[in-house]
Amino acid sequence: MDIQNLVKMANQIGQFFQSYPNHEEAVDGVAGHIQRFWEPRMRNAILAHAQSGGETGLLPLVVEALQRVHGTQQAA
């Protein structure tokens, strides 16, 4: 799995949701999109990348959303 491509895709999603006036809705939008439309291998790869210090290159909104996705996966 090409992590740079996943970072690019995640940032594109983040750029779309950055236009939302409510920050919480934007974070929920990114997290929800990744949970609904990314297959588990993709989600696991981007989460592992972010957790291993790979936050460089990810938009802050995406990092926050990934933390939310990780928390949801932990609770499941």
Protein backbone atom coordinates (compact mmCIF):
# COMPACT_ATOMS: atom_id res chain seq x y z
CA MET A 1 0.00 0.00 0.00
CA ASP A 2 1.47 3.34 -1.06
CA ILE A 3 1.30 5.49 2.07
CA GLN A 4 2.03 8.70 0.16
CA ASN A 5 -1.04 8.09 -1.98
CA LEU A 6 -3.13 7.50 1.15
CA VAL A 7 -1.81 10.73 2.68
CA LYS A 8 -2.70 12.58 -0.51
CA MET A 9 -6.21 11.10 -0.56
CA ALA A 10 -6.78 11.84 3.14
CA ASN A 11 -5.65 15.43 2.64
CA GLN A 12 -8.00 15.84 -0.32
CA ILE A 13 -10.88 14.73 1.89
CA GLY A 14 -9.65 17.13 4.58
CA GLN A 15 -9.48 20.02 2.11
CA PHE A 16 -13.10 19.44 1.15
CA PHE A 17 -14.31 19.43 4.75
CA GLN A 18 -12.15 22.41 5.78
CA SER A 19 -14.73 24.65 4.16
CA TYR A 20 -17.31 23.63 6.77
CA PRO A 21 -17.96 26.52 9.18
CA ASN A 22 -18.23 24.18 12.19
CA HIS A 23 -14.93 22.52 13.08
CA GLU A 24 -16.56 19.52 14.80
CA GLU A 25 -18.70 18.83 11.73
CA ALA A 26 -15.57 18.99 9.58
CA VAL A 27 -13.71 16.50 11.78
CA ASP A 28 -16.77 14.23 11.84
CA GLY A 29 -17.03 14.50 8.06
CA VAL A 30 -13.44 13.41 7.48
CA ALA A 31 -13.65 10.63 10.07
CA GLY A 32 -16.99 9.43 8.71
CA HIS A 33 -15.75 9.39 5.14
CA ILE A 34 -12.67 7.36 6.05
CA GLN A 35 -14.74 4.91 8.11
CA ARG A 36 -17.43 4.46 5.44
CA PHE A 37 -15.47 4.48 2.20
CA TRP A 38 -11.94 3.29 2.97
CA GLU A 39 -11.39 -0.43 3.16
CA PRO A 40 -9.90 -1.72 6.43
CA ARG A 41 -6.39 -2.13 4.97
CA MET A 42 -6.37 1.52 3.90
CA ARG A 43 -7.66 2.72 7.29
CA ASN A 44 -5.15 0.58 9.17
CA ALA A 45 -2.27 1.80 7.00
CA ILE A 46 -3.04 5.51 7.44
CA LEU A 47 -3.68 5.07 11.17
CA ALA A 48 -0.38 3.21 11.61
CA HIS A 49 1.39 5.93 9.62
CA ALA A 50 -0.07 8.71 11.76
CA GLN A 51 0.66 6.87 15.02
CA SER A 52 4.27 6.21 14.06
CA GLY A 53 4.98 9.92 13.78
CA GLY A 54 3.84 10.16 10.19
CA GLU A 55 1.65 13.16 10.94
CA THR A 56 4.02 15.24 8.83
CA GLY A 57 2.28 15.86 5.56
CA LEU A 58 -1.20 15.33 6.98
CA LEU A 59 -3.48 18.32 7.46
CA PRO A 60 -4.24 19.04 11.13
CA LEU A 61 -7.93 18.38 10.43
CA VAL A 62 -7.05 14.95 9.05
CA VAL A 63 -4.85 14.14 12.06
CA GLU A 64 -7.71 15.02 14.41
CA ALA A 65 -10.13 12.91 12.36
CA LEU A 66 -7.74 9.96 12.37
CA GLN A 67 -7.53 10.18 16.15
CA ARG A 68 -11.31 9.96 16.23
CA VAL A 69 -11.32 6.98 13.84
CA HIS A 70 -8.70 5.25 15.99
CA GLY A 71 -10.79 5.82 19.11
CA THR A 72 -13.83 4.38 17.38
CA GLN A 73 -11.91 1.29 16.29
CA GLN A 74 -10.57 0.81 19.81
CA ALA A 75 -14.09 0.91 21.25
CA ALA A 76 -15.43 -1.62 18.75
